[in-house]
N, C-alpha and C. Protein backbone atom coordinates (compact mmCIF):
# COMPACT_ATOMS: atom_id res chain seq x y z
N UNK A 1 -7.19 -30.99 -30.56
CA UNK A 1 -7.14 -29.51 -31.38
C UNK A 1 -6.77 -28.13 -30.50
N UNK A 2 -5.84 -27.87 -30.28
CA UNK A 2 -6.05 -26.83 -29.34
C UNK A 2 -6.90 -25.40 -29.86
N UNK A 3 -7.70 -24.77 -28.77
CA UNK A 3 -8.47 -23.83 -28.48
C UNK A 3 -7.84 -22.37 -29.26
N UNK A 4 -7.97 -21.63 -30.16
CA UNK A 4 -7.63 -20.55 -30.00
C UNK A 4 -7.73 -19.61 -29.00
N UNK A 5 -6.86 -19.06 -28.32
CA UNK A 5 -6.60 -17.91 -27.04
C UNK A 5 -7.39 -16.90 -27.42
N UNK A 6 -7.57 -15.92 -26.29
CA UNK A 6 -8.48 -15.00 -26.48
C UNK A 6 -7.40 -13.72 -26.28
N UNK A 7 -6.27 -14.36 -25.89
CA UNK A 7 -4.93 -13.43 -25.78
C UNK A 7 -3.97 -13.54 -26.47
N UNK A 8 -3.44 -12.43 -27.07
CA UNK A 8 -1.90 -12.84 -27.95
C UNK A 8 -0.56 -13.14 -27.12
N UNK A 9 0.23 -13.25 -27.83
CA UNK A 9 1.55 -13.55 -27.35
C UNK A 9 2.32 -12.37 -26.80
N UNK A 10 2.05 -11.28 -26.81
CA UNK A 10 2.28 -10.00 -26.04
C UNK A 10 1.22 -9.66 -24.98
N UNK A 11 0.28 -10.76 -24.53
CA UNK A 11 -0.77 -10.50 -23.59
C UNK A 11 -1.64 -9.37 -23.75
N UNK A 12 -2.10 -8.99 -25.25
CA UNK A 12 -3.22 -7.87 -25.45
C UNK A 12 -4.20 -8.94 -25.83
N UNK A 13 -5.50 -8.29 -25.83
CA UNK A 13 -6.77 -8.68 -26.37
C UNK A 13 -6.60 -9.34 -27.93
N UNK A 14 -7.19 -10.29 -27.97
CA UNK A 14 -6.93 -10.77 -29.36
C UNK A 14 -8.13 -11.56 -29.83
N UNK A 15 -9.35 -10.72 -30.26
CA UNK A 15 -10.38 -11.45 -30.82
C UNK A 15 -10.75 -11.17 -32.05
N UNK A 16 -9.96 -10.74 -32.83
CA UNK A 16 -10.12 -10.05 -34.02
C UNK A 16 -10.55 -11.87 -35.33
N UNK A 17 -9.59 -12.67 -34.51
CA UNK A 17 -9.71 -13.73 -35.43
C UNK A 17 -11.10 -14.38 -35.38
N UNK A 18 -11.52 -14.15 -34.02
CA UNK A 18 -12.95 -14.85 -33.40
C UNK A 18 -14.27 -14.05 -33.94
N UNK A 19 -13.96 -12.54 -34.45
CA UNK A 19 -14.44 -11.71 -34.89
C UNK A 19 -15.05 -11.82 -36.22
N UNK A 20 -13.70 -12.07 -37.16
CA UNK A 20 -13.81 -12.53 -38.44
C UNK A 20 -14.45 -13.57 -38.71
N UNK A 21 -14.93 -14.37 -37.92
CA UNK A 21 -15.45 -15.70 -38.37
C UNK A 21 -16.86 -15.68 -38.19
N UNK A 22 -17.54 -14.17 -37.72
CA UNK A 22 -18.83 -13.63 -37.48
C UNK A 22 -19.02 -13.09 -38.77
N UNK A 23 -19.74 -13.80 -39.71
CA UNK A 23 -20.28 -13.69 -41.20
C UNK A 23 -21.04 -12.09 -41.21
N UNK A 24 -21.89 -12.14 -39.99
CA UNK A 24 -22.79 -10.88 -39.91
C UNK A 24 -22.05 -9.75 -39.69
N UNK A 25 -20.90 -9.93 -38.93
CA UNK A 25 -19.88 -8.86 -38.52
C UNK A 25 -18.92 -8.23 -40.05
N UNK A 26 -18.50 -9.42 -40.56
CA UNK A 26 -17.55 -9.15 -41.55
C UNK A 26 -18.56 -8.30 -42.88
N UNK A 27 -19.67 -8.47 -43.15
CA UNK A 27 -20.86 -7.78 -43.91
C UNK A 27 -21.05 -6.72 -43.46
N UNK A 28 -21.44 -6.36 -41.84
CA UNK A 28 -21.72 -4.74 -41.61
C UNK A 28 -20.50 -4.17 -42.00
N UNK A 29 -19.59 -4.52 -41.63
CA UNK A 29 -18.11 -3.78 -41.56
C UNK A 29 -17.55 -3.40 -43.04
N UNK A 30 -18.31 -4.34 -44.14
CA UNK A 30 -17.72 -4.14 -45.63
C UNK A 30 -17.81 -2.82 -45.96
N UNK A 31 -18.83 -1.96 -45.81
CA UNK A 31 -18.89 -0.75 -46.44
C UNK A 31 -18.01 0.38 -45.42
N UNK A 32 -17.78 -0.14 -44.33
CA UNK A 32 -17.07 1.10 -43.38
C UNK A 32 -18.15 1.95 -42.58
N UNK A 33 -19.78 1.52 -42.74
CA UNK A 33 -20.89 2.23 -41.68
C UNK A 33 -21.58 1.30 -41.24
N UNK A 34 -21.93 1.45 -40.15
CA UNK A 34 -22.63 0.64 -39.33
C UNK A 34 -24.01 1.48 -39.17
N UNK A 35 -25.06 0.95 -39.61
CA UNK A 35 -26.30 1.83 -39.65
C UNK A 35 -27.20 0.85 -38.53
N UNK A 36 -28.22 1.72 -38.46
CA UNK A 36 -28.96 1.27 -37.25
C UNK A 36 -29.51 -0.15 -37.19
N UNK A 37 -29.91 -0.95 -38.49
CA UNK A 37 -30.39 -1.93 -38.65
C UNK A 37 -29.14 -2.93 -38.35
N UNK A 38 -28.02 -2.82 -38.83
CA UNK A 38 -27.06 -3.70 -38.24
C UNK A 38 -26.64 -3.44 -36.92
N UNK A 39 -26.64 -2.48 -36.31
CA UNK A 39 -26.36 -2.32 -35.10
C UNK A 39 -27.44 -3.29 -34.22
N UNK A 40 -28.93 -3.36 -34.45
CA UNK A 40 -29.71 -3.85 -34.19
C UNK A 40 -29.70 -5.26 -34.20
N UNK A 41 -29.24 -5.59 -35.44
CA UNK A 41 -28.83 -7.34 -35.58
C UNK A 41 -27.61 -7.54 -34.68
N UNK A 42 -26.77 -6.67 -34.35
CA UNK A 42 -25.37 -7.23 -33.33
C UNK A 42 -25.96 -7.28 -32.18
N UNK A 43 -26.82 -6.45 -31.76
CA UNK A 43 -27.60 -6.45 -30.39
C UNK A 43 -28.37 -7.98 -30.09
N UNK A 44 -29.27 -8.20 -31.33
CA UNK A 44 -29.94 -9.33 -30.98
C UNK A 44 -29.27 -10.51 -30.97
N UNK A 45 -28.12 -10.51 -31.67
CA UNK A 45 -26.99 -11.60 -32.00
C UNK A 45 -26.11 -12.01 -30.42
N UNK A 46 -26.05 -10.63 -29.96
CA UNK A 46 -25.35 -10.41 -28.50
C UNK A 46 -26.40 -11.21 -27.34
N UNK A 47 -27.62 -10.48 -27.47
CA UNK A 47 -28.43 -11.19 -26.35
C UNK A 47 -28.83 -12.62 -26.56
N UNK A 48 -28.85 -12.73 -27.62
CA UNK A 48 -29.16 -14.58 -27.83
C UNK A 48 -27.91 -15.24 -27.09
N UNK A 49 -26.76 -14.74 -27.83
CA UNK A 49 -25.18 -15.65 -26.89
C UNK A 49 -25.46 -15.42 -25.64
N UNK A 50 -25.41 -14.44 -25.12
CA UNK A 50 -25.52 -14.15 -23.66
C UNK A 50 -26.39 -15.10 -22.94
N UNK A 51 -27.97 -15.38 -23.58
CA UNK A 51 -29.12 -16.32 -23.48
C UNK A 51 -28.43 -17.46 -23.35
N UNK A 52 -27.84 -18.22 -24.60
CA UNK A 52 -27.17 -19.18 -24.53
C UNK A 52 -26.14 -19.85 -23.47
N UNK A 53 -25.50 -18.91 -22.69
CA UNK A 53 -24.58 -19.25 -21.85
C UNK A 53 -24.79 -19.15 -20.43
N UNK A 54 -25.38 -17.94 -20.43
CA UNK A 54 -25.73 -17.58 -18.81
C UNK A 54 -26.64 -18.64 -18.02
N UNK A 55 -27.65 -19.48 -18.31
CA UNK A 55 -28.25 -20.58 -17.63
C UNK A 55 -27.32 -21.49 -17.25
N UNK A 56 -26.35 -21.70 -18.30
CA UNK A 56 -25.37 -23.07 -17.88
C UNK A 56 -24.44 -22.77 -16.84
N UNK A 57 -24.12 -21.66 -16.59
CA UNK A 57 -23.29 -21.36 -15.74
C UNK A 57 -23.33 -21.28 -14.14
N UNK A 58 -22.30 -21.87 -13.26
CA UNK A 58 -22.30 -21.69 -11.96
C UNK A 58 -22.41 -20.44 -11.33
N UNK A 59 -23.03 -20.25 -10.25
CA UNK A 59 -22.66 -18.47 -9.75
C UNK A 59 -21.12 -18.33 -9.99
N UNK A 60 -20.47 -19.17 -9.67
CA UNK A 60 -19.03 -18.66 -9.60
C UNK A 60 -18.64 -18.24 -11.30
N UNK A 61 -18.91 -19.33 -12.03
CA UNK A 61 -18.50 -18.86 -13.35
C UNK A 61 -19.26 -17.56 -13.82
N UNK A 62 -20.50 -17.65 -13.39
CA UNK A 62 -21.25 -16.04 -14.20
C UNK A 62 -20.77 -15.14 -13.37
N UNK A 63 -20.27 -15.01 -12.48
CA UNK A 63 -19.40 -13.61 -11.87
C UNK A 63 -18.14 -13.70 -12.46
N UNK A 64 -17.48 -14.41 -13.03
CA UNK A 64 -16.27 -14.30 -13.80
C UNK A 64 -16.51 -13.72 -15.40
N UNK A 65 -17.68 -14.41 -15.93
CA UNK A 65 -18.05 -14.24 -17.26
C UNK A 65 -18.62 -12.89 -17.21
N UNK A 66 -19.34 -12.42 -16.23
CA UNK A 66 -20.20 -10.87 -16.15
C UNK A 66 -18.95 -10.05 -15.89
N UNK A 67 -17.73 -10.24 -15.37
CA UNK A 67 -16.62 -9.49 -15.10
C UNK A 67 -15.97 -9.37 -16.24
N UNK A 68 -15.71 -10.61 -16.99
CA UNK A 68 -14.96 -10.28 -18.39
C UNK A 68 -15.86 -9.66 -19.46
N UNK A 69 -17.10 -9.89 -19.34
CA UNK A 69 -17.95 -8.84 -20.19
C UNK A 69 -17.96 -7.60 -19.87
N UNK A 70 -17.91 -7.17 -18.87
CA UNK A 70 -17.76 -5.32 -18.44
C UNK A 70 -16.18 -5.27 -18.79
N UNK A 71 -15.49 -5.82 -18.57
CA UNK A 71 -14.11 -5.37 -18.51
C UNK A 71 -14.08 -5.10 -20.27
N UNK A 72 -14.57 -6.30 -20.95
CA UNK A 72 -14.42 -6.10 -22.48
C UNK A 72 -15.08 -4.78 -23.17
N UNK A 73 -16.44 -4.62 -22.35
CA UNK A 73 -17.06 -3.43 -22.91
C UNK A 73 -16.15 -2.23 -22.38
N UNK A 74 -15.71 -2.20 -21.38
CA UNK A 74 -15.19 -0.97 -21.25
C UNK A 74 -14.20 -0.49 -21.88
N UNK A 75 -12.91 -2.03 -22.50
CA UNK A 75 -11.96 -1.90 -23.27
C UNK A 75 -12.43 -1.08 -24.54
N UNK A 76 -13.17 -1.64 -24.88
CA UNK A 76 -14.02 -1.38 -26.21
C UNK A 76 -14.22 0.20 -26.34
N UNK A 77 -14.97 0.78 -25.33
CA UNK A 77 -15.04 2.08 -25.23
C UNK A 77 -13.98 2.93 -25.28
N UNK A 78 -13.32 2.37 -24.30
CA UNK A 78 -11.50 3.39 -24.19
C UNK A 78 -10.83 3.26 -25.35
N UNK A 79 -10.84 2.28 -25.94
CA UNK A 79 -9.90 2.15 -27.24
C UNK A 79 -10.76 2.97 -28.33
N UNK A 80 -11.91 2.42 -28.62
CA UNK A 80 -12.67 3.44 -29.34
C UNK A 80 -12.61 5.11 -29.26
N UNK A 81 -12.62 5.18 -27.90
CA UNK A 81 -12.48 6.96 -27.88
C UNK A 81 -10.95 7.17 -28.00
N UNK A 82 -9.75 6.61 -27.63
CA UNK A 82 -8.61 6.51 -27.83
C UNK A 82 -7.98 6.98 -29.44
N UNK A 83 -8.69 5.87 -29.92
CA UNK A 83 -8.38 6.08 -30.99
C UNK A 83 -9.23 7.16 -32.26
N UNK A 84 -10.39 7.51 -31.71
CA UNK A 84 -10.99 8.81 -31.89
C UNK A 84 -10.06 10.12 -31.78
N UNK A 85 -9.49 10.27 -30.62
CA UNK A 85 -8.68 11.16 -29.99
C UNK A 85 -7.50 11.48 -31.13
N UNK A 86 -6.84 10.14 -31.27
CA UNK A 86 -5.95 9.80 -32.11
C UNK A 86 -5.78 10.45 -33.52
N UNK A 87 -6.95 10.08 -33.75
CA UNK A 87 -7.34 10.66 -35.11
C UNK A 87 -7.58 12.10 -35.51
N UNK A 88 -8.50 12.91 -34.41
CA UNK A 88 -8.74 13.83 -34.14
C UNK A 88 -7.26 14.89 -33.92
N UNK A 89 -6.33 14.33 -33.40
CA UNK A 89 -5.36 15.24 -33.43
C UNK A 89 -4.38 15.04 -34.81
N UNK A 90 -4.40 13.76 -35.21
CA UNK A 90 -3.52 13.71 -36.77
C UNK A 90 -3.90 14.46 -37.52
N UNK A 91 -5.26 14.70 -37.72
CA UNK A 91 -6.26 15.53 -38.61
C UNK A 91 -6.03 16.65 -38.31
N UNK A 92 -5.93 17.18 -37.21
CA UNK A 92 -5.17 18.85 -36.95
C UNK A 92 -4.04 18.99 -37.30
N UNK A 93 -3.05 18.01 -36.92
CA UNK A 93 -1.32 18.36 -37.44
C UNK A 93 -1.73 18.03 -39.13
N UNK A 94 -2.42 17.82 -39.47
CA UNK A 94 -2.20 17.69 -41.25
C UNK A 94 -2.80 18.86 -41.79
N UNK A 95 -4.07 19.20 -41.04
CA UNK A 95 -4.49 20.57 -41.62
C UNK A 95 -3.54 21.83 -41.42
N UNK A 96 -2.61 21.75 -40.60
CA UNK A 96 -1.59 22.81 -40.32
C UNK A 96 -1.07 23.25 -41.77
């Protein structure tokens, strides 16, 4: 069985299917509000996943995964800010 790709056919990141498999994530997102407890739980899950992988990587693999995580974090922040700006503009136009 082929493993699911991290990238879709249009060469865009495609991790939604992977995230949908995280029950804690889908439960946290269900009400559309992320509270401090849910964020803390996700941080705990992230640290556990990082610890589970980091020790098993060669130096080269570690450098590549570190770059991947940094690029993913940067993309996530930039995407959220972009979507917030789009929503702000749409709300401003709708209010007129």
